[in-house]
């Protein structure tokens, strides 16, 4: 028989013979009766088999354990009066089992899936079981729905989704890079992208005009509840636009997401607060405005950030956002760089930075002035960003964009305690994948092929040093 998803069953199916496939959620044995709750991704339904009416199916059912995967055929009946379960959509029906097939009998579980006091380490080690829990499935299905809405929105707005390389060039002005040794170019390394920033600017130079990407990004930084070494962001860039165009697109995107996913009517436009005013009033560039607005989702734009900050540790000026943001006033460069503001903007939601972006520098002379303030010489700029500076000289259009941290955004929407609750296979707080036991050692042959010699003593997790 053709399978039907459990979520499609209700009282209208009374008397029909159906086939369901899923996992054994609970087992309840009452003498000559066995009740099984069967779960698939769409819902849960009660099934029942009697030793008196179907001894063969009863004996097979008796061997099943919780979380075994099964195929069950049977007739949909209404539950007897007084036994309905109003908490679930299928609570008024049950399936009288006529045939049962066990695909896999599940051994004793390392933890009970319906318990909430499971350590995160155990949950991550057995993530494939943890993901069977209803709350985790709700989170990930919601995540997929949000991404589906995002893609539909940008397609309707005339954007094209592009893919950018994962093996790129190290630009250590930001966070630490993850680096990848080259086998065919000994002693040289790729860097995994912290963002597609440079590539999307090059796509604007190439005349693509409206770019977006659901981009995987990687940063070798210390972890917190809202950070992972690899994360997902919505990356967007547009040509021939100004800040108002960016604000308009983002606000309409958010309104669309909240309507399509949560059925809530988000009020736009969002409040705009200059950086200096936010610091003066809230002592933060990420103010939580929920008490002021009473809407549970309080959005605000923070605008006009300083372009530069002075690092006492490094004893030089550093970029407050990144070194490709267009300045508002070039006349202050030589007087006091800390008073130069950029055409930069952050979108804050409930006290959390959700989006960061800027109008970019499209003029190579202005770009070099920024590099001069940052202490990046012409030679160094050519070594690190020569491809970008050269590209900008070939008729680059005014352009700008933004990136939204999707993991952080979805965490807020679901109310999850950390982004690990809305990522299918996250790393733990030590940047380890406990399930895969990664990072792990690689053998001597792989090291040799990558032209790597380890200069550290042998430990449980590292191979012995080669002579």
Protein backbone atom coordinates (compact mmCIF):
# COMPACT_ATOMS: atom_id res chain seq x y z
CA UNK A 1 0.00 0.00 0.00
CA UNK A 2 1.05 3.58 -0.59
CA UNK A 3 2.19 5.37 2.55
CA UNK A 4 0.15 8.22 4.01
CA UNK A 5 1.72 10.76 6.37
CA UNK A 6 0.22 10.66 9.84
CA UNK A 7 -0.53 14.39 9.84
CA UNK A 8 -3.07 13.88 7.04
CA UNK A 9 -5.20 11.41 9.04
CA UNK A 10 -8.37 12.43 10.89
CA UNK A 11 -11.94 11.29 11.54
CA UNK A 12 -12.78 11.53 7.81
CA UNK A 13 -10.57 8.49 7.25
CA UNK A 14 -12.82 6.28 9.40
CA UNK A 15 -13.08 2.79 7.94
CA UNK A 16 -10.18 3.25 5.50
CA UNK A 17 -7.24 0.86 5.36
CA UNK A 18 -4.02 2.87 5.50
CA UNK A 19 -0.26 2.38 5.58
CA UNK A 20 1.89 4.51 7.86
CA UNK A 21 5.67 4.49 8.33
CA UNK A 22 7.64 6.00 11.17
CA UNK A 23 9.08 5.40 14.62
CA UNK A 24 7.63 3.82 17.73
CA UNK A 25 7.06 6.74 20.07
CA UNK A 26 5.61 4.80 23.00
CA UNK A 27 4.70 1.19 23.81
CA UNK A 28 1.88 0.33 26.22
CA UNK A 29 1.01 -3.33 26.82
CA UNK A 30 -2.27 -4.20 28.53
CA UNK A 31 -2.54 -7.99 28.67
CA UNK A 32 -3.81 -9.12 25.29
CA UNK A 33 -3.75 -5.57 23.88
CA UNK A 34 -0.71 -3.55 22.77
CA UNK A 35 -0.95 0.17 22.04
CA UNK A 36 1.78 1.84 19.98
CA UNK A 37 2.04 5.55 19.32
CA UNK A 38 3.68 5.88 15.90
CA UNK A 39 5.45 9.12 14.96
CA UNK A 40 6.61 10.54 11.66
CA UNK A 41 7.71 14.06 10.77
CA UNK A 42 4.10 15.19 10.38
CA UNK A 43 2.54 13.90 13.60
CA UNK A 44 1.69 11.06 16.00
CA UNK A 45 -1.15 8.53 15.96
CA UNK A 46 -2.23 5.71 18.26
CA UNK A 47 -2.30 2.16 16.90
CA UNK A 48 -3.62 -0.98 18.60
CA UNK A 49 -3.40 -4.72 18.09
CA UNK A 50 -5.22 -7.57 19.85
CA UNK A 51 -3.78 -11.04 20.47
CA UNK A 52 -7.29 -12.42 20.13
CA UNK A 53 -8.05 -10.99 16.68
CA UNK A 54 -4.55 -10.99 15.10
CA UNK A 55 -2.06 -13.26 16.89
CA UNK A 56 0.64 -12.89 14.19
CA UNK A 57 0.65 -9.09 14.22
CA UNK A 58 0.44 -9.14 18.03
CA UNK A 59 3.56 -11.29 18.35
CA UNK A 60 5.52 -9.07 15.94
CA UNK A 61 4.37 -5.92 17.73
CA UNK A 62 5.42 -7.40 21.07
CA UNK A 63 9.05 -7.43 19.84
CA UNK A 64 9.10 -3.71 19.06
CA UNK A 65 10.96 -1.24 21.23
CA UNK A 66 10.77 2.54 21.49
CA UNK A 67 12.29 4.31 18.48
CA UNK A 68 12.22 1.22 16.28
CA UNK A 69 11.40 2.11 12.66
CA UNK A 70 8.27 0.36 11.37
CA UNK A 71 5.66 0.02 8.65
CA UNK A 72 2.11 -0.51 9.85
CA UNK A 73 -1.03 -1.29 7.89
CA UNK A 74 -4.46 -1.15 9.45
CA UNK A 75 -7.98 0.28 9.54
CA UNK A 76 -8.74 3.75 10.89
CA UNK A 77 -11.31 3.61 13.71
CA UNK A 78 -12.76 6.23 16.01
CA UNK A 79 -11.44 5.92 19.55
CA UNK A 80 -13.95 4.69 22.16
CA UNK A 81 -15.75 7.39 24.11
CA UNK A 82 -13.64 8.79 26.94
CA UNK A 83 -10.29 7.77 25.41
CA UNK A 84 -9.74 10.63 22.96
CA UNK A 85 -6.66 12.85 23.21
CA UNK A 86 -7.50 16.48 22.47
CA UNK A 87 -3.82 17.52 22.61
CA UNK A 88 -2.99 16.06 19.18
CA UNK A 89 -4.77 16.41 15.80
CA UNK A 90 -5.17 12.63 15.49
CA UNK A 91 -6.49 12.26 19.02
CA UNK A 92 -9.95 11.09 17.99
CA UNK A 93 -8.76 8.13 15.91
CA UNK A 94 -6.66 5.01 16.19
CA UNK A 95 -5.41 2.45 13.70
CA UNK A 96 -6.29 -1.20 14.26
CA UNK A 97 -3.13 -3.02 13.13
CA UNK A 98 -3.55 -5.71 10.50
CA UNK A 99 0.14 -6.04 9.51
CA UNK A 100 3.41 -4.79 10.94
CA UNK A 101 6.95 -4.81 9.57
CA UNK A 102 9.96 -3.84 11.65
CA UNK A 103 12.62 -2.13 9.57
CA UNK A 104 15.04 -1.78 12.49
CA UNK A 105 14.62 -2.84 16.14
CA UNK A 106 16.10 -0.06 18.26
CA UNK A 107 18.48 -1.07 21.10
CA UNK A 108 18.25 0.58 24.56
CA UNK A 109 18.47 4.36 24.13
CA UNK A 110 21.37 6.38 25.61
CA UNK A 111 18.75 8.85 26.87
CA UNK A 112 14.99 9.21 26.91
CA UNK A 113 13.89 11.49 24.11
CA UNK A 114 11.03 12.98 26.11
CA UNK A 115 13.27 14.14 28.97
CA UNK A 116 14.52 17.74 29.26
CA UNK A 117 17.40 17.23 31.69
CA UNK A 118 19.81 15.64 29.20
CA UNK A 119 23.33 17.02 29.17
CA UNK A 120 24.28 18.89 26.02
CA UNK A 121 27.33 16.67 25.56
CA UNK A 122 25.15 13.55 25.39
CA UNK A 123 22.66 15.26 23.08
CA UNK A 124 25.42 16.31 20.68
CA UNK A 125 27.09 12.89 20.75
CA UNK A 126 23.82 11.25 19.72
CA UNK A 127 22.57 14.18 17.66
CA UNK A 128 20.72 11.90 15.22
CA UNK A 129 18.54 10.82 18.16
CA UNK A 130 18.29 14.31 19.67
CA UNK A 131 16.92 15.55 16.35
CA UNK A 132 13.97 13.17 16.67
CA UNK A 133 12.66 15.24 19.58
CA UNK A 134 9.58 17.28 18.57
CA UNK A 135 11.03 20.64 19.64
CA UNK A 136 14.19 20.09 17.59
CA UNK A 137 12.16 19.06 14.55
CA UNK A 138 9.93 22.13 14.94
CA UNK A 139 13.01 24.37 15.08
CA UNK A 140 14.63 22.90 11.99
CA UNK A 141 11.41 22.81 9.98
CA UNK A 142 10.82 26.46 10.91
CA UNK A 143 14.38 27.24 9.82
CA UNK A 144 13.72 25.63 6.45
CA UNK A 145 10.47 27.60 6.07
CA UNK A 146 12.25 30.90 6.77
CA UNK A 147 14.92 30.16 4.16
CA UNK A 148 12.19 29.19 1.68
CA UNK A 149 10.44 32.55 2.26
CA UNK A 150 13.74 34.43 1.90
CA UNK A 151 14.46 32.81 -1.46
CA UNK A 152 10.94 33.48 -2.70
CA UNK A 153 11.13 37.14 -1.62
CA UNK A 154 14.43 37.87 -3.33
CA UNK A 155 13.40 36.06 -6.48
CA UNK A 156 10.28 38.22 -6.68
CA UNK A 157 12.47 41.32 -6.21
CA UNK A 158 14.65 40.50 -9.20
CA UNK A 159 17.68 39.24 -7.27
CA UNK A 160 19.84 36.35 -8.48
CA UNK A 161 21.31 33.78 -6.09
CA UNK A 162 25.03 33.31 -6.68
CA UNK A 163 27.53 30.90 -5.18
CA UNK A 164 30.99 32.10 -4.15
CA UNK A 165 34.15 30.06 -3.45
CA UNK A 166 34.93 28.31 -0.18
CA UNK A 167 38.66 28.16 -0.95
CA UNK A 168 39.77 31.77 -0.96
CA UNK A 169 42.57 34.12 0.16
CA UNK A 170 43.47 34.95 3.75
CA UNK A 171 42.66 38.56 4.68
CA UNK A 172 43.54 38.70 8.37
CA UNK A 173 41.98 42.11 9.06
CA UNK A 174 38.92 40.41 10.54
CA UNK A 175 38.62 37.40 12.86
CA UNK A 176 41.06 34.49 12.60
CA UNK A 177 40.85 32.48 9.40
CA UNK A 178 40.56 28.75 9.07
CA UNK A 179 43.39 27.89 6.70
CA UNK A 180 43.75 24.97 4.28
CA UNK A 181 47.16 23.81 3.05
CA UNK A 182 47.63 23.39 -0.68
CA UNK A 183 48.99 20.04 -1.82
CA UNK A 184 49.92 21.28 -5.31
CA UNK A 185 51.43 24.57 -4.09
CA UNK A 186 53.73 23.62 -1.20
CA UNK A 187 53.89 26.13 1.62
CA UNK A 188 50.83 28.05 0.43
CA UNK A 189 47.39 28.12 2.00
CA UNK A 190 43.80 28.85 1.16
CA UNK A 191 41.53 30.48 3.70
CA UNK A 192 37.92 29.48 4.28
CA UNK A 193 35.71 32.56 3.87
CA UNK A 194 34.63 34.60 6.88
CA UNK A 195 32.06 36.12 4.52
CA UNK A 196 31.59 36.47 0.76
CA UNK A 197 32.25 40.24 1.11
CA UNK A 198 34.94 40.64 -1.56
CA UNK A 199 33.28 38.28 -4.02
CA UNK A 200 29.93 40.02 -3.84
CA UNK A 201 31.61 43.39 -4.46
CA UNK A 202 33.31 41.88 -7.49
CA UNK A 203 29.90 40.67 -8.71
CA UNK A 204 28.71 44.27 -8.55
CA UNK A 205 31.70 45.34 -10.65
CA UNK A 206 30.73 42.52 -13.03
CA UNK A 207 27.33 44.15 -13.55
CA UNK A 208 25.11 41.64 -11.78
CA UNK A 209 23.38 44.45 -9.80
CA UNK A 210 21.24 42.33 -7.44
CA UNK A 211 22.96 39.46 -5.61
CA UNK A 212 21.96 37.29 -2.68
CA UNK A 213 23.26 34.07 -1.19
CA UNK A 214 22.47 31.80 1.74
CA UNK A 215 26.16 31.64 2.55
CA UNK A 216 28.19 29.32 4.76
CA UNK A 217 30.89 31.28 6.59
CA UNK A 218 33.70 30.22 8.92
CA UNK A 219 35.60 32.07 11.64
CA UNK A 220 38.17 30.68 14.04
CA UNK A 221 36.98 32.56 17.11
CA UNK A 222 36.02 31.82 20.69
CA UNK A 223 32.48 30.52 20.98
CA UNK A 224 29.46 31.81 22.87
CA UNK A 225 25.81 30.82 22.98
CA UNK A 226 25.16 32.78 19.78
CA UNK A 227 28.34 31.86 17.87
CA UNK A 228 29.64 28.85 15.98
CA UNK A 229 32.88 28.33 14.02
CA UNK A 230 30.76 27.77 10.92
CA UNK A 231 27.54 29.67 10.51
CA UNK A 232 24.96 30.69 7.93
CA UNK A 233 24.21 34.21 6.81
CA UNK A 234 21.92 35.85 4.32
CA UNK A 235 24.31 37.87 2.16
CA UNK A 236 22.96 40.63 -0.10
CA UNK A 237 24.48 43.28 -2.39
CA UNK A 238 22.93 45.83 -4.77
CA UNK A 239 24.27 48.33 -7.29
CA UNK A 240 23.27 51.98 -7.87
CA UNK A 241 21.58 52.28 -4.48
CA UNK A 242 21.85 54.25 -1.24
CA UNK A 243 21.05 53.47 2.41
CA UNK A 244 17.34 54.11 1.94
CA UNK A 245 17.13 51.36 -0.67
CA UNK A 246 18.78 48.92 1.75
CA UNK A 247 16.44 49.85 4.59
CA UNK A 248 13.41 49.43 2.32
CA UNK A 249 14.42 45.94 1.13
CA UNK A 250 15.29 44.70 4.63
CA UNK A 251 12.12 46.03 6.25
CA UNK A 252 9.89 44.50 3.59
CA UNK A 253 11.80 41.21 3.87
CA UNK A 254 11.24 41.11 7.63
CA UNK A 255 7.57 41.95 7.22
CA UNK A 256 7.25 39.12 4.69
CA UNK A 257 9.01 36.58 6.95
CA UNK A 258 6.92 37.43 10.00
CA UNK A 259 3.68 37.26 8.00
CA UNK A 260 4.45 34.05 6.11
CA UNK A 261 6.10 32.14 8.97
CA UNK A 262 4.53 33.50 12.17
CA UNK A 263 1.34 35.10 10.77
CA UNK A 264 2.23 38.35 12.53
CA UNK A 265 1.88 41.83 11.07
CA UNK A 266 5.22 43.56 11.62
CA UNK A 267 5.12 47.36 11.65
CA UNK A 268 7.56 49.13 9.34
CA UNK A 269 9.57 51.32 8.95
CA UNK A 270 11.84 50.58 11.90
CA UNK A 271 13.17 53.26 14.24
CA UNK A 272 16.55 54.77 13.26
CA UNK A 273 19.08 55.80 15.89
CA UNK A 274 22.49 57.38 15.18
CA UNK A 275 25.32 55.49 16.86
CA UNK A 276 26.33 58.43 19.08
CA UNK A 277 22.72 58.84 20.29
CA UNK A 278 22.41 55.12 21.04
CA UNK A 279 25.59 55.23 23.13
CA UNK A 280 24.48 58.40 24.94
CA UNK A 281 20.96 57.17 25.76
CA UNK A 282 21.39 53.40 26.11
CA UNK A 283 25.15 53.04 26.59
CA UNK A 284 24.94 50.37 23.89
CA UNK A 285 24.87 50.11 20.12
CA UNK A 286 22.48 47.17 20.52
CA UNK A 287 19.59 48.69 22.52
CA UNK A 288 16.66 46.50 23.50
CA UNK A 289 13.58 48.64 22.84
CA UNK A 290 10.89 46.16 23.86
CA UNK A 291 9.90 48.15 26.95
CA UNK A 292 9.63 51.35 24.91
CA UNK A 293 7.61 49.79 22.08
CA UNK A 294 5.49 47.24 23.98
CA UNK A 295 5.61 45.07 19.55
CA UNK A 296 7.63 41.48 21.31
CA UNK A 297 9.92 42.02 18.38
CA UNK A 298 11.61 45.42 18.69
CA UNK A 299 13.64 46.33 15.62
CA UNK A 300 15.83 49.41 15.29
CA UNK A 301 18.43 50.67 12.83
CA UNK A 302 21.69 51.92 14.33
CA UNK A 303 23.31 54.21 11.75
CA UNK A 304 26.37 56.43 11.23
CA UNK A 305 28.99 54.34 12.99
CA UNK A 306 32.56 55.64 13.34
CA UNK A 307 34.63 54.39 10.45
CA UNK A 308 37.76 53.94 12.60
CA UNK A 309 38.64 53.04 16.17
CA UNK A 310 42.01 53.48 17.83
CA UNK A 311 43.42 50.23 19.22
CA UNK A 312 45.61 50.89 22.26
CA UNK A 313 46.78 47.29 22.11
CA UNK A 314 47.92 47.51 18.50
CA UNK A 315 48.74 51.25 18.73
CA UNK A 316 47.04 52.03 15.45
CA UNK A 317 43.67 52.78 13.89
CA UNK A 318 41.53 49.78 13.00
CA UNK A 319 38.33 49.49 10.97
CA UNK A 320 35.22 49.65 13.13
CA UNK A 321 33.26 47.49 10.66
CA UNK A 322 35.52 46.53 7.77
CA UNK A 323 37.83 48.59 5.55
CA UNK A 324 35.46 48.75 2.57
CA UNK A 325 32.79 51.09 4.06
CA UNK A 326 32.18 54.41 2.32
CA UNK A 327 33.01 57.43 4.56
CA UNK A 328 30.59 60.31 4.94
CA UNK A 329 33.26 63.03 5.09
CA UNK A 330 36.74 62.79 3.57
CA UNK A 331 37.90 66.13 5.00
CA UNK A 332 38.41 64.68 8.49
CA UNK A 333 40.76 61.89 7.42
CA UNK A 334 43.90 63.92 8.07
CA UNK A 335 42.56 65.75 11.14
CA UNK A 336 40.97 63.11 13.38
CA UNK A 337 40.04 59.75 11.82
CA UNK A 338 37.94 58.79 14.86
CA UNK A 339 35.46 61.53 13.90
CA UNK A 340 34.92 60.10 10.44
CA UNK A 341 31.56 58.38 10.19
CA UNK A 342 30.75 55.71 7.65
CA UNK A 343 27.67 54.94 5.62
CA UNK A 344 27.18 51.95 7.87
CA UNK A 345 24.16 50.44 9.57
CA UNK A 346 23.23 47.63 11.93
CA UNK A 347 19.78 46.20 12.46
CA UNK A 348 19.12 45.33 16.10
CA UNK A 349 16.36 42.98 17.26
CA UNK A 350 15.55 42.73 20.98
CA UNK A 351 19.04 43.86 21.97
CA UNK A 352 20.85 41.56 19.54
CA UNK A 353 22.71 42.63 16.40
CA UNK A 354 20.89 40.91 13.58
CA UNK A 355 22.32 42.61 10.50
CA UNK A 356 25.40 44.56 9.61
CA UNK A 357 26.06 46.39 6.38
CA UNK A 358 27.28 49.47 4.59
CA UNK A 359 27.48 51.40 1.37
CA UNK A 360 30.81 50.26 -0.08
CA UNK A 361 33.74 52.21 -1.40
CA UNK A 362 33.60 52.07 -5.19
CA UNK A 363 36.46 54.51 -5.82
CA UNK A 364 40.00 53.04 -5.56
CA UNK A 365 41.48 56.39 -4.47
CA UNK A 366 39.08 56.59 -1.52
CA UNK A 367 39.82 52.95 -0.73
CA UNK A 368 43.54 53.70 -0.57
CA UNK A 369 42.91 56.66 1.78
CA UNK A 370 41.18 54.25 4.15
CA UNK A 371 44.11 51.86 3.88
CA UNK A 372 46.49 54.76 4.65
CA UNK A 373 44.68 55.48 7.92
CA UNK A 374 44.79 51.79 8.81
CA UNK A 375 48.52 51.67 8.17
CA UNK A 376 48.16 49.43 5.13
CA UNK A 377 50.82 50.45 2.63
CA UNK A 378 50.25 50.57 -1.11
CA UNK A 379 52.40 47.45 -1.48
CA UNK A 380 50.56 45.60 1.29
CA UNK A 381 47.20 46.69 -0.11
CA UNK A 382 48.17 45.31 -3.51
CA UNK A 383 49.29 42.02 -1.96
CA UNK A 384 46.10 41.56 0.05
CA UNK A 385 43.44 43.34 -1.96
CA UNK A 386 45.03 44.05 -5.33
CA UNK A 387 42.31 42.15 -7.18
CA UNK A 388 39.64 44.33 -5.57
CA UNK A 389 41.47 47.63 -6.11
CA UNK A 390 42.08 46.73 -9.72
CA UNK A 391 38.45 45.74 -10.20
CA UNK A 392 37.18 49.00 -8.69
CA UNK A 393 39.15 50.94 -11.28
CA UNK A 394 37.13 49.36 -14.10
CA UNK A 395 33.94 51.40 -13.83
CA UNK A 396 32.69 50.06 -10.48
CA UNK A 397 29.14 51.20 -9.71
CA UNK A 398 28.08 52.67 -6.35
CA UNK A 399 26.95 49.64 -4.36
CA UNK A 400 26.10 48.42 -0.90
CA UNK A 401 24.56 45.58 1.01
CA UNK A 402 24.30 43.66 4.22
CA UNK A 403 24.50 40.29 5.90
CA UNK A 404 22.00 38.82 8.36
CA UNK A 405 23.09 36.13 10.79
CA UNK A 406 20.39 33.56 10.09
CA UNK A 407 21.32 31.33 13.03
CA UNK A 408 20.95 34.22 15.47
CA UNK A 409 17.74 35.42 13.82
CA UNK A 410 16.11 31.99 13.96
CA UNK A 411 17.23 31.56 17.58
CA UNK A 412 15.34 34.73 18.51
CA UNK A 413 12.21 33.72 16.60
CA UNK A 414 12.08 30.27 18.21
CA UNK A 415 13.10 31.51 21.68
CA UNK A 416 15.85 28.87 21.79
CA UNK A 417 18.51 29.15 24.49
CA UNK A 418 21.39 28.98 21.99
CA UNK A 419 21.97 28.72 18.26
CA UNK A 420 22.94 25.07 18.78
CA UNK A 421 19.21 24.44 19.22
CA UNK A 422 18.43 25.57 15.67
CA UNK A 423 21.41 24.05 13.80
CA UNK A 424 21.20 20.41 12.76
CA UNK A 425 24.80 19.45 13.54
CA UNK A 426 26.53 22.16 15.60
CA UNK A 427 29.89 22.20 17.35
CA UNK A 428 30.07 22.34 21.14
CA UNK A 429 31.50 25.23 23.17
CA UNK A 430 35.03 23.93 22.49
CA UNK A 431 34.44 23.99 18.71
CA UNK A 432 34.33 20.18 18.62
CA UNK A 433 31.92 17.90 16.82
CA UNK A 434 31.37 15.29 19.53
CA UNK A 435 29.34 13.03 17.25
CA UNK A 436 32.05 12.82 14.57
CA UNK A 437 34.94 13.24 17.01
CA UNK A 438 36.28 16.17 15.00
CA UNK A 439 38.78 17.72 14.79
CA UNK A 440 40.81 14.52 14.74
CA UNK A 441 44.26 13.33 13.76
CA UNK A 442 45.16 12.60 10.16
CA UNK A 443 47.68 9.99 9.16
CA UNK A 444 51.31 10.58 8.19
CA UNK A 445 50.60 10.11 4.49
CA UNK A 446 48.01 12.90 4.49
CA UNK A 447 50.38 15.19 6.38
CA UNK A 448 53.16 14.49 3.90
CA UNK A 449 50.88 15.15 0.92
CA UNK A 450 49.94 18.52 2.42
CA UNK A 451 53.65 19.29 3.09
CA UNK A 452 53.04 19.60 6.83
CA UNK A 453 55.42 18.66 9.61
CA UNK A 454 54.09 18.85 13.15
CA UNK A 455 56.29 20.63 15.64
CA UNK A 456 54.37 19.57 18.74
CA UNK A 457 54.80 16.57 21.06
CA UNK A 458 52.70 13.52 20.39
CA UNK A 459 49.46 13.41 22.35
CA UNK A 460 46.30 11.39 22.22
CA UNK A 461 44.97 13.68 19.48
CA UNK A 462 48.13 14.38 17.43
CA UNK A 463 50.44 12.12 15.47
CA UNK A 464 54.08 11.71 16.38
CA UNK A 465 56.52 14.26 15.04
CA UNK A 466 58.21 13.26 11.82
CA UNK A 467 62.00 13.31 11.83
